[in-house]
Amino acid sequence: MPARAYWKGQIRLALVSIPIEVYPATRSGAAISFHQIHEPSGKRIRYEKVAPGVGPVDRDEIIKGFEVSKGSYVLLDEEEIEAVKIESRKTLELVQFVDADEIDVLYYEKPYFVVPADDLAEEAYTVLREALRKTRKVGLGQLAVRGREQLVSIKPCGRGLVMEVLRYADEVHKAQGYFRDIEDAKPDTDLLDLATTLIDKKTAPFKPAEFHDRYVDALHRLIDKKAKSKSNKRILEDVEEPAGGKGNVIDLMAALKKSVGDGKSSAKSSSRKPAAKKPAASGGPRTRKRA
């Protein structure tokens, strides 16, 4: 378990309070960080904090300010910001429960593991977990952390609970604005059958470990090549365009039939055993008569 919790406080349900600790359920994936370099000298670019008419300033001289009009700011120091008291800084009150499938996937932002803070909290924690599981409900509440109050949901996950940060309504675009111009027409039955057949052939259990960031892998290979070459000459790798990568599919029926057919042929070829060699007939090999 990580040494530092994302949030510590209590879940409150009516008169019941459950001390909890919240830890991130995810971590950043493999990534490559680049620095900006001055090409002629090979030196790294650095940035300084400067004030117009003053020049470079020390970090301890910087405070936060909110612009109320052009060039006019309300200044706030860290103590003033920390002194803003709202209850959700230490208490996550479950104010509503909804069906587990009622929250649209667009609203989910980031998951966290919720664990009881100590042994004394486990009983109430377990009761809440099993009550949510039995009713198939998700608890909703808000908590203040890192400069904002977040909308969150609480639901069972194995022997524990998962808290998911949700987006507010004004943070989610309405789908109608993007899908409005798509015709509400039923697809051709034959095309639909071919598409569902293709989906069925490619259906398999989800195994996250089988997927990885191929772009990062390619960057690592490029960096390794340049490091080994000890040269700053450009290395441009040719990348083959996937079939049908450019332009639209003109004959959808033909493309679907070919996709389904390719799947069948590859399956047959992988399962087909090589034919056994027939023993040569007695009397030596036969010769073909010439016409």
C-alpha atoms as a PDB file:
ATOM      1  CA  MET A   1       0.000   0.000   0.000  1.00  0.00           C
ATOM      2  CA  PRO A   2       1.345   3.492  -0.803  1.00  0.00           C
ATOM      3  CA  ALA A   3       2.860   5.356   2.139  1.00  0.00           C
ATOM      4  CA  ARG A   4       0.802   8.475   1.497  1.00  0.00           C
ATOM      5  CA  ALA A   5      -2.985   8.578   1.217  1.00  0.00           C
ATOM      6  CA  TYR A   6      -4.724  10.782  -1.327  1.00  0.00           C
ATOM      7  CA  TRP A   7      -7.319  11.724   1.315  1.00  0.00           C
ATOM      8  CA  LYS A   8      -8.045  10.875   4.947  1.00  0.00           C
ATOM      9  CA  GLY A   9     -11.332  11.469   6.698  1.00  0.00           C
ATOM     10  CA  GLN A  10     -14.613   9.726   7.331  1.00  0.00           C
ATOM     11  CA  ILE A  11     -17.615   8.484   5.417  1.00  0.00           C
ATOM     12  CA  ARG A  12     -20.790   9.608   7.111  1.00  0.00           C
ATOM     13  CA  LEU A  13     -24.147   7.925   6.600  1.00  0.00           C
ATOM     14  CA  ALA A  14     -26.770   9.603   8.785  1.00  0.00           C
ATOM     15  CA  LEU A  15     -25.382   9.209  12.330  1.00  0.00           C
ATOM     16  CA  VAL A  16     -22.780   6.593  11.397  1.00  0.00           C
ATOM     17  CA  SER A  17     -19.186   7.722  10.747  1.00  0.00           C
ATOM     18  CA  ILE A  18     -16.536   5.408   9.269  1.00  0.00           C
ATOM     19  CA  PRO A  19     -12.875   6.530   9.404  1.00  0.00           C
ATOM     20  CA  ILE A  20     -11.275   5.810   6.012  1.00  0.00           C
ATOM     21  CA  GLU A  21      -8.182   6.387   3.930  1.00  0.00           C
ATOM     22  CA  VAL A  22      -8.279   6.835   0.146  1.00  0.00           C
ATOM     23  CA  TYR A  23      -5.474   5.674  -2.156  1.00  0.00           C
ATOM     24  CA  PRO A  24      -5.048   6.004  -5.941  1.00  0.00           C
ATOM     25  CA  ALA A  25      -6.199   2.896  -7.837  1.00  0.00           C
ATOM     26  CA  THR A  26      -4.202   3.784 -10.952  1.00  0.00           C
ATOM     27  CA  ARG A  27      -0.748   5.051 -11.864  1.00  0.00           C
ATOM     28  CA  SER A  28       0.653   6.839 -14.859  1.00  0.00           C
ATOM     29  CA  GLY A  29       1.636   4.553 -17.696  1.00  0.00           C
ATOM     30  CA  ALA A  30       5.015   4.333 -19.371  1.00  0.00           C
ATOM     31  CA  ALA A  31       5.897   7.689 -20.856  1.00  0.00           C
ATOM     32  CA  ILE A  32       8.906   9.480 -22.274  1.00  0.00           C
ATOM     33  CA  SER A  33       9.697  12.995 -21.114  1.00  0.00           C
ATOM     34  CA  PHE A  34      11.592  15.266 -23.455  1.00  0.00           C
ATOM     35  CA  HIS A  35      13.563  18.383 -22.525  1.00  0.00           C
ATOM     36  CA  GLN A  36      13.897  21.410 -24.737  1.00  0.00           C
ATOM     37  CA  ILE A  37      17.464  21.762 -26.004  1.00  0.00           C
ATOM     38  CA  HIS A  38      19.268  24.695 -27.651  1.00  0.00           C
ATOM     39  CA  GLU A  39      20.467  22.855 -30.779  1.00  0.00           C
ATOM     40  CA  PRO A  40      23.643  24.869 -31.574  1.00  0.00           C
ATOM     41  CA  SER A  41      25.071  24.492 -28.049  1.00  0.00           C
ATOM     42  CA  GLY A  42      23.335  21.326 -26.868  1.00  0.00           C
ATOM     43  CA  LYS A  43      22.383  23.103 -23.639  1.00  0.00           C
ATOM     44  CA  ARG A  44      19.051  22.565 -21.916  1.00  0.00           C
ATOM     45  CA  ILE A  45      16.535  25.420 -22.011  1.00  0.00           C
ATOM     46  CA  ARG A  46      15.706  26.832 -18.571  1.00  0.00           C
ATOM     47  CA  TYR A  47      12.840  29.102 -17.568  1.00  0.00           C
ATOM     48  CA  GLU A  48      12.923  31.789 -14.945  1.00  0.00           C
ATOM     49  CA  LYS A  49      10.036  33.308 -13.004  1.00  0.00           C
ATOM     50  CA  VAL A  50      10.075  37.012 -13.812  1.00  0.00           C
ATOM     51  CA  ALA A  51       7.891  40.028 -13.061  1.00  0.00           C
ATOM     52  CA  PRO A  52       7.565  42.787 -15.686  1.00  0.00           C
ATOM     53  CA  GLY A  53       9.754  45.720 -14.748  1.00  0.00           C
ATOM     54  CA  VAL A  54      11.324  43.743 -11.883  1.00  0.00           C
ATOM     55  CA  GLY A  55      13.094  40.804 -13.510  1.00  0.00           C
ATOM     56  CA  PRO A  56      13.744  37.385 -11.911  1.00  0.00           C
ATOM     57  CA  VAL A  57      12.042  36.874  -8.529  1.00  0.00           C
ATOM     58  CA  ASP A  58      12.585  34.428  -5.663  1.00  0.00           C
ATOM     59  CA  ARG A  59      10.110  31.597  -5.120  1.00  0.00           C
ATOM     60  CA  ASP A  60       9.301  32.763  -1.570  1.00  0.00           C
ATOM     61  CA  GLU A  61       8.168  36.138  -2.955  1.00  0.00           C
ATOM     62  CA  ILE A  62       5.384  34.534  -5.009  1.00  0.00           C
ATOM     63  CA  ILE A  63       1.799  34.282  -3.750  1.00  0.00           C
ATOM     64  CA  LYS A  64      -1.493  33.495  -5.487  1.00  0.00           C
ATOM     65  CA  GLY A  65      -3.764  36.128  -6.976  1.00  0.00           C
ATOM     66  CA  PHE A  66      -7.201  36.167  -8.623  1.00  0.00           C
ATOM     67  CA  GLU A  67      -7.684  38.713 -11.407  1.00  0.00           C
ATOM     68  CA  VAL A  68     -10.827  40.762 -10.737  1.00  0.00           C
ATOM     69  CA  SER A  69     -10.178  43.239 -13.548  1.00  0.00           C
ATOM     70  CA  LYS A  70      -7.446  43.865 -16.085  1.00  0.00           C
ATOM     71  CA  GLY A  71      -4.189  44.053 -14.111  1.00  0.00           C
ATOM     72  CA  SER A  72      -5.978  44.121 -10.723  1.00  0.00           C
ATOM     73  CA  TYR A  73      -5.680  41.107  -8.433  1.00  0.00           C
ATOM     74  CA  VAL A  74      -7.009  39.904  -5.084  1.00  0.00           C
ATOM     75  CA  LEU A  75      -3.972  38.408  -3.323  1.00  0.00           C
ATOM     76  CA  LEU A  76      -4.244  35.272  -1.157  1.00  0.00           C
ATOM     77  CA  ASP A  77      -1.510  33.515   0.790  1.00  0.00           C
ATOM     78  CA  GLU A  78      -1.450  29.783   1.570  1.00  0.00           C
ATOM     79  CA  GLU A  79      -2.663  30.237   5.155  1.00  0.00           C
ATOM     80  CA  GLU A  80      -5.752  32.131   4.000  1.00  0.00           C
ATOM     81  CA  ILE A  81      -6.576  29.449   1.427  1.00  0.00           C
ATOM     82  CA  GLU A  82      -6.064  26.654   3.968  1.00  0.00           C
ATOM     83  CA  ALA A  83      -8.312  28.477   6.442  1.00  0.00           C
ATOM     84  CA  VAL A  84     -11.336  28.179   4.144  1.00  0.00           C
ATOM     85  CA  LYS A  85     -13.524  25.791   6.138  1.00  0.00           C
ATOM     86  CA  ILE A  86     -15.996  23.461   4.471  1.00  0.00           C
ATOM     87  CA  GLU A  87     -17.248  20.248   6.008  1.00  0.00           C
ATOM     88  CA  SER A  88     -16.282  18.018   3.089  1.00  0.00           C
ATOM     89  CA  ARG A  89     -12.578  18.613   3.762  1.00  0.00           C
ATOM     90  CA  LYS A  90     -12.675  15.845   6.370  1.00  0.00           C
ATOM     91  CA  THR A  91     -16.098  14.240   5.891  1.00  0.00           C
ATOM     92  CA  LEU A  92     -17.551  12.448   2.883  1.00  0.00           C
ATOM     93  CA  GLU A  93     -21.286  12.432   3.533  1.00  0.00           C
ATOM     94  CA  LEU A  94     -23.298  10.004   1.424  1.00  0.00           C
ATOM     95  CA  VAL A  95     -26.291  12.188   0.567  1.00  0.00           C
ATOM     96  CA  GLN A  96     -27.910  10.039  -2.134  1.00  0.00           C
ATOM     97  CA  PHE A  97     -27.976   6.523  -3.573  1.00  0.00           C
ATOM     98  CA  VAL A  98     -28.606   5.597  -7.216  1.00  0.00           C
ATOM     99  CA  ASP A  99     -28.765   2.403  -9.252  1.00  0.00           C
ATOM    100  CA  ALA A 100     -25.312   1.159 -10.232  1.00  0.00           C
ATOM    101  CA  ASP A 101     -26.013   1.483 -13.968  1.00  0.00           C
ATOM    102  CA  GLU A 102     -27.659   4.916 -13.746  1.00  0.00           C
ATOM    103  CA  ILE A 103     -24.423   6.938 -13.973  1.00  0.00           C
ATOM    104  CA  ASP A 104     -23.350   7.483 -17.576  1.00  0.00           C
ATOM    105  CA  VAL A 105     -19.797   6.363 -18.358  1.00  0.00           C
ATOM    106  CA  LEU A 106     -18.975   9.935 -19.481  1.00  0.00           C
ATOM    107  CA  TYR A 107     -19.124  11.114 -15.876  1.00  0.00           C
ATOM    108  CA  TYR A 108     -16.482   8.725 -14.502  1.00  0.00           C
ATOM    109  CA  GLU A 109     -13.057  10.330 -14.207  1.00  0.00           C
ATOM    110  CA  LYS A 110     -10.685   8.475 -11.860  1.00  0.00           C
ATOM    111  CA  PRO A 111     -10.919   5.550  -9.380  1.00  0.00           C
ATOM    112  CA  TYR A 112      -9.511   5.279  -5.854  1.00  0.00           C
ATOM    113  CA  PHE A 113      -9.363   2.480  -3.294  1.00  0.00           C
ATOM    114  CA  VAL A 114     -11.160   3.170  -0.004  1.00  0.00           C
ATOM    115  CA  VAL A 115      -9.887   1.273   3.061  1.00  0.00           C
ATOM    116  CA  PRO A 116     -10.867   1.405   6.741  1.00  0.00           C
ATOM    117  CA  ALA A 117      -8.507   3.612   8.727  1.00  0.00           C
ATOM    118  CA  ASP A 118      -8.180   1.096  11.584  1.00  0.00           C
ATOM    119  CA  ASP A 119      -9.541  -2.166  12.970  1.00  0.00           C
ATOM    120  CA  LEU A 120     -12.360  -0.396  14.822  1.00  0.00           C
ATOM    121  CA  ALA A 121     -13.711   0.968  11.520  1.00  0.00           C
ATOM    122  CA  GLU A 122     -13.871  -2.425   9.790  1.00  0.00           C
ATOM    123  CA  GLU A 123     -17.274  -3.523  11.078  1.00  0.00           C
ATOM    124  CA  ALA A 124     -19.129  -0.417   9.901  1.00  0.00           C
ATOM    125  CA  TYR A 125     -17.090  -0.457   6.680  1.00  0.00           C
ATOM    126  CA  THR A 126     -18.154  -4.067   5.965  1.00  0.00           C
ATOM    127  CA  VAL A 127     -21.803  -3.306   6.721  1.00  0.00           C
ATOM    128  CA  LEU A 128     -21.777  -0.396   4.226  1.00  0.00           C
ATOM    129  CA  ARG A 129     -20.046  -2.506   1.571  1.00  0.00           C
ATOM    130  CA  GLU A 130     -22.528  -5.379   1.845  1.00  0.00           C
ATOM    131  CA  ALA A 131     -25.547  -3.061   2.010  1.00  0.00           C
ATOM    132  CA  LEU A 132     -24.457  -1.415  -1.261  1.00  0.00           C
ATOM    133  CA  ARG A 133     -23.879  -4.826  -2.828  1.00  0.00           C
ATOM    134  CA  LYS A 134     -27.244  -6.201  -1.697  1.00  0.00           C
ATOM    135  CA  THR A 135     -29.213  -3.192  -2.924  1.00  0.00           C
ATOM    136  CA  ARG A 136     -27.077  -2.778  -6.075  1.00  0.00           C
ATOM    137  CA  LYS A 137     -26.758   0.910  -5.309  1.00  0.00           C
ATOM    138  CA  VAL A 138     -23.956   3.455  -5.528  1.00  0.00           C
ATOM    139  CA  GLY A 139     -23.483   6.136  -2.874  1.00  0.00           C
ATOM    140  CA  LEU A 140     -22.945   9.761  -3.898  1.00  0.00           C
ATOM    141  CA  GLY A 141     -21.222  12.531  -1.964  1.00  0.00           C
ATOM    142  CA  GLN A 142     -18.691  15.353  -2.187  1.00  0.00           C
ATOM    143  CA  LEU A 143     -15.265  15.883  -0.679  1.00  0.00           C
ATOM    144  CA  ALA A 144     -12.819  18.772  -0.812  1.00  0.00           C
ATOM    145  CA  VAL A 145      -9.272  17.958  -1.830  1.00  0.00           C
ATOM    146  CA  ARG A 146      -6.435  19.805  -3.573  1.00  0.00           C
ATOM    147  CA  GLY A 147      -8.226  23.049  -4.204  1.00  0.00           C
ATOM    148  CA  ARG A 148     -11.668  21.893  -5.256  1.00  0.00           C
ATOM    149  CA  GLU A 149     -14.720  20.003  -4.070  1.00  0.00           C
ATOM    150  CA  GLN A 150     -15.186  16.778  -6.002  1.00  0.00           C
ATOM    151  CA  LEU A 151     -18.330  14.814  -6.725  1.00  0.00           C
ATOM    152  CA  VAL A 152     -17.651  11.132  -5.962  1.00  0.00           C
ATOM    153  CA  SER A 153     -19.377   7.760  -5.944  1.00  0.00           C
ATOM    154  CA  ILE A 154     -18.787   4.831  -3.592  1.00  0.00           C
ATOM    155  CA  LYS A 155     -19.397   1.212  -4.631  1.00  0.00           C
ATOM    156  CA  PRO A 156     -18.288  -2.300  -3.606  1.00  0.00           C
ATOM    157  CA  CYS A 157     -15.169  -3.863  -5.125  1.00  0.00           C
ATOM    158  CA  GLY A 158     -14.301  -7.357  -3.927  1.00  0.00           C
ATOM    159  CA  ARG A 159     -13.609  -7.128  -0.194  1.00  0.00           C
ATOM    160  CA  GLY A 160     -13.343  -3.355  -0.323  1.00  0.00           C
ATOM    161  CA  LEU A 161     -14.857  -0.159  -1.658  1.00  0.00           C
ATOM    162  CA  VAL A 162     -13.944   1.947  -4.659  1.00  0.00           C
ATOM    163  CA  MET A 163     -14.435   5.700  -4.826  1.00  0.00           C
ATOM    164  CA  GLU A 164     -14.714   7.166  -8.310  1.00  0.00           C
ATOM    165  CA  VAL A 165     -14.341  10.878  -8.948  1.00  0.00           C
ATOM    166  CA  LEU A 166     -17.205  12.051 -11.168  1.00  0.00           C
ATOM    167  CA  ARG A 167     -17.371  14.988 -13.526  1.00  0.00           C
ATOM    168  CA  TYR A 168     -19.923  17.711 -12.836  1.00  0.00           C
ATOM    169  CA  ALA A 169     -22.704  18.239 -15.365  1.00  0.00           C
ATOM    170  CA  ASP A 170     -21.096  21.386 -16.795  1.00  0.00           C
ATOM    171  CA  GLU A 171     -17.900  19.431 -17.513  1.00  0.00           C
ATOM    172  CA  VAL A 172     -19.574  16.963 -19.892  1.00  0.00           C
ATOM    173  CA  HIS A 173     -20.558  17.858 -23.455  1.00  0.00           C
ATOM    174  CA  LYS A 174     -24.030  16.894 -24.621  1.00  0.00           C
ATOM    175  CA  ALA A 175     -23.865  13.990 -27.063  1.00  0.00           C
ATOM    176  CA  GLN A 176     -26.684  15.412 -29.184  1.00  0.00           C
ATOM    177  CA  GLY A 177     -24.430  18.198 -30.394  1.00  0.00           C
ATOM    178  CA  TYR A 178     -22.115  15.649 -32.007  1.00  0.00           C
ATOM    179  CA  PHE A 179     -24.583  12.965 -33.144  1.00  0.00           C
ATOM    180  CA  ARG A 180     -27.438  15.224 -34.315  1.00  0.00           C
ATOM    181  CA  ASP A 181     -26.596  14.996 -38.028  1.00  0.00           C
ATOM    182  CA  ILE A 182     -26.289  11.184 -38.109  1.00  0.00           C
ATOM    183  CA  GLU A 183     -29.320   9.712 -39.857  1.00  0.00           C
ATOM    184  CA  ASP A 184     -31.617   7.561 -37.738  1.00  0.00           C
ATOM    185  CA  ALA A 185     -31.792   4.782 -40.326  1.00  0.00           C
ATOM    186  CA  LYS A 186     -31.761   1.000 -39.918  1.00  0.00           C
ATOM    187  CA  PRO A 187     -28.750  -0.711 -41.526  1.00  0.00           C
ATOM    188  CA  ASP A 188     -29.043  -3.338 -44.257  1.00  0.00           C
ATOM    189  CA  THR A 189     -29.780  -6.749 -42.684  1.00  0.00           C
ATOM    190  CA  ASP A 190     -27.035  -8.559 -44.608  1.00  0.00           C
ATOM    191  CA  LEU A 191     -24.460  -5.935 -43.646  1.00  0.00           C
ATOM    192  CA  LEU A 192     -25.565  -6.139 -40.024  1.00  0.00           C
ATOM    193  CA  ASP A 193     -25.259  -9.953 -40.049  1.00  0.00           C
ATOM    194  CA  LEU A 194     -21.730  -9.763 -41.474  1.00  0.00           C
ATOM    195  CA  ALA A 195     -20.708  -7.132 -38.921  1.00  0.00           C
ATOM    196  CA  THR A 196     -22.059  -9.158 -35.986  1.00  0.00           C
ATOM    197  CA  THR A 197     -20.312 -12.268 -37.335  1.00  0.00           C
ATOM    198  CA  LEU A 198     -17.020 -10.359 -37.444  1.00  0.00           C
ATOM    199  CA  ILE A 199     -17.566  -9.075 -33.892  1.00  0.00           C
ATOM    200  CA  ASP A 200     -18.349 -12.608 -32.670  1.00  0.00           C
ATOM    201  CA  LYS A 201     -15.130 -13.937 -34.244  1.00  0.00           C
ATOM    202  CA  LYS A 202     -13.045 -11.259 -32.526  1.00  0.00           C
ATOM    203  CA  THR A 203     -14.757 -11.554 -29.130  1.00  0.00           C
ATOM    204  CA  ALA A 204     -12.440 -12.690 -26.318  1.00  0.00           C
ATOM    205  CA  PRO A 205     -11.978 -12.112 -22.568  1.00  0.00           C
ATOM    206  CA  PHE A 206     -10.497  -8.721 -21.705  1.00  0.00           C
ATOM    207  CA  LYS A 207      -6.843  -9.135 -20.680  1.00  0.00           C
ATOM    208  CA  PRO A 208      -5.336  -5.682 -20.043  1.00  0.00           C
ATOM    209  CA  ALA A 209      -1.786  -7.076 -19.895  1.00  0.00           C
ATOM    210  CA  GLU A 210      -2.000  -7.965 -23.595  1.00  0.00           C
ATOM    211  CA  PHE A 211      -2.177  -4.278 -24.555  1.00  0.00           C
ATOM    212  CA  HIS A 212       0.651  -1.764 -24.274  1.00  0.00           C
ATOM    213  CA  ASP A 213       1.642   1.614 -25.635  1.00  0.00           C
ATOM    214  CA  ARG A 214       3.315   0.822 -28.969  1.00  0.00           C
ATOM    215  CA  TYR A 215       4.154   4.487 -29.553  1.00  0.00           C
ATOM    216  CA  VAL A 216       6.300   4.595 -26.403  1.00  0.00           C
ATOM    217  CA  ASP A 217       7.993   1.342 -27.468  1.00  0.00           C
ATOM    218  CA  ALA A 218       8.825   2.854 -30.866  1.00  0.00           C
ATOM    219  CA  LEU A 219      10.241   5.989 -29.228  1.00  0.00           C
ATOM    220  CA  HIS A 220      12.449   3.856 -26.979  1.00  0.00           C
ATOM    221  CA  ARG A 221      13.779   2.007 -30.028  1.00  0.00           C
ATOM    222  CA  LEU A 222      14.506   5.297 -31.781  1.00  0.00           C
ATOM    223  CA  ILE A 223      16.309   6.707 -28.716  1.00  0.00           C
ATOM    224  CA  ASP A 224      18.347   3.512 -28.337  1.00  0.00           C
ATOM    225  CA  LYS A 225      19.400   3.669 -32.001  1.00  0.00           C
ATOM    226  CA  LYS A 226      20.540   7.276 -31.746  1.00  0.00           C
ATOM    227  CA  ALA A 227      22.340   6.637 -28.452  1.00  0.00           C
ATOM    228  CA  LYS A 228      24.237   3.683 -29.942  1.00  0.00           C
ATOM    229  CA  SER A 229      25.083   5.569 -33.125  1.00  0.00           C
ATOM    230  CA  LYS A 230      26.555   8.423 -31.067  1.00  0.00           C
ATOM    231  CA  SER A 231      25.369  10.781 -33.747  1.00  0.00           C
ATOM    232  CA  ASN A 232      22.673  13.407 -33.967  1.00  0.00           C
ATOM    233  CA  LYS A 233      21.822  12.529 -37.543  1.00  0.00           C
ATOM    234  CA  ARG A 234      18.091  12.125 -38.113  1.00  0.00           C
ATOM    235  CA  ILE A 235      16.701   8.595 -38.144  1.00  0.00           C
ATOM    236  CA  LEU A 236      13.393   8.288 -39.952  1.00  0.00           C
ATOM    237  CA  GLU A 237      11.738   4.885 -39.881  1.00  0.00           C
ATOM    238  CA  ASP A 238       9.369   3.908 -42.661  1.00  0.00           C
ATOM    239  CA  VAL A 239       5.961   2.943 -41.340  1.00  0.00           C
ATOM    240  CA  GLU A 240       3.685   0.889 -43.518  1.00  0.00           C
ATOM    241  CA  GLU A 241       0.186   2.254 -43.850  1.00  0.00           C
ATOM    242  CA  PRO A 242      -2.444  -0.307 -42.835  1.00  0.00           C
ATOM    243  CA  ALA A 243      -4.583  -1.615 -45.652  1.00  0.00           C
ATOM    244  CA  GLY A 244      -7.461   0.734 -46.277  1.00  0.00           C
ATOM    245  CA  GLY A 245      -5.890   3.377 -44.111  1.00  0.00           C
ATOM    246  CA  LYS A 246      -6.512   6.166 -46.597  1.00  0.00           C
ATOM    247  CA  GLY A 247      -9.907   7.198 -47.894  1.00  0.00           C
ATOM    248  CA  ASN A 248     -13.324   5.738 -47.187  1.00  0.00           C
ATOM    249  CA  VAL A 249     -14.401   2.118 -47.656  1.00  0.00           C
ATOM    250  CA  ILE A 250     -16.319   2.252 -50.931  1.00  0.00           C
ATOM    251  CA  ASP A 251     -17.844  -1.267 -50.941  1.00  0.00           C
ATOM    252  CA  LEU A 252     -18.818  -2.003 -47.342  1.00  0.00           C
ATOM    253  CA  MET A 253     -20.329  -5.411 -48.208  1.00  0.00           C
ATOM    254  CA  ALA A 254     -17.147  -6.572 -49.961  1.00  0.00           C
ATOM    255  CA  ALA A 255     -14.959  -5.291 -47.128  1.00  0.00           C
ATOM    256  CA  LEU A 256     -17.020  -7.095 -44.472  1.00  0.00           C
ATOM    257  CA  LYS A 257     -17.122 -10.330 -46.488  1.00  0.00           C
ATOM    258  CA  LYS A 258     -13.361 -10.198 -46.936  1.00  0.00           C
ATOM    259  CA  SER A 259     -12.833  -9.520 -43.222  1.00  0.00           C
ATOM    260  CA  VAL A 260     -15.021 -12.471 -42.228  1.00  0.00           C
ATOM    261  CA  GLY A 261     -13.433 -14.654 -44.930  1.00  0.00           C
ATOM    262  CA  ASP A 262      -9.903 -13.795 -43.819  1.00  0.00           C
ATOM    263  CA  GLY A 263     -10.808 -14.821 -40.298  1.00  0.00           C
ATOM    264  CA  LYS A 264     -12.153 -18.173 -41.500  1.00  0.00           C
ATOM    265  CA  SER A 265      -9.169 -18.936 -43.727  1.00  0.00           C
ATOM    266  CA  SER A 266      -6.651 -18.097 -41.017  1.00  0.00           C
ATOM    267  CA  ALA A 267      -8.542 -20.280 -38.547  1.00  0.00           C
ATOM    268  CA  LYS A 268      -8.626 -23.168 -41.017  1.00  0.00           C
ATOM    269  CA  SER A 269      -4.942 -22.842 -41.940  1.00  0.00           C
ATOM    270  CA  SER A 270      -3.897 -22.848 -38.283  1.00  0.00           C
ATOM    271  CA  SER A 271      -5.918 -25.989 -37.524  1.00  0.00           C
ATOM    272  CA  ARG A 272      -5.104 -27.851 -40.765  1.00  0.00           C
ATOM    273  CA  LYS A 273      -2.500 -30.595 -40.347  1.00  0.00           C
ATOM    274  CA  PRO A 274       0.090 -31.243 -43.066  1.00  0.00           C
ATOM    275  CA  ALA A 275      -0.879 -34.136 -45.314  1.00  0.00           C
ATOM    276  CA  ALA A 276       0.980 -37.377 -44.695  1.00  0.00           C
ATOM    277  CA  LYS A 277       3.247 -38.540 -47.471  1.00  0.00           C
ATOM    278  CA  LYS A 278       2.002 -41.607 -49.340  1.00  0.00           C
ATOM    279  CA  PRO A 279       4.462 -44.515 -49.612  1.00  0.00           C
ATOM    280  CA  ALA A 280       5.871 -45.040 -53.068  1.00  0.00           C
ATOM    281  CA  ALA A 281       4.164 -47.839 -55.030  1.00  0.00           C
ATOM    282  CA  SER A 282       6.143 -51.032 -55.603  1.00  0.00           C
ATOM    283  CA  GLY A 283       7.905 -51.250 -58.910  1.00  0.00           C
ATOM    284  CA  GLY A 284       9.472 -47.805 -58.674  1.00  0.00           C
ATOM    285  CA  PRO A 285       8.059 -44.375 -59.314  1.00  0.00           C
ATOM    286  CA  ARG A 286       5.472 -43.847 -62.021  1.00  0.00           C
ATOM    287  CA  THR A 287       6.280 -41.716 -65.030  1.00  0.00           C
ATOM    288  CA  ARG A 288       3.752 -39.466 -66.785  1.00  0.00           C
ATOM    289  CA  LYS A 289       3.119 -40.264 -70.425  1.00  0.00           C
ATOM    290  CA  ARG A 290       3.794 -37.426 -72.750  1.00  0.00           C
ATOM    291  CA  ALA A 291       0.951 -36.386 -74.969  1.00  0.00           C
END
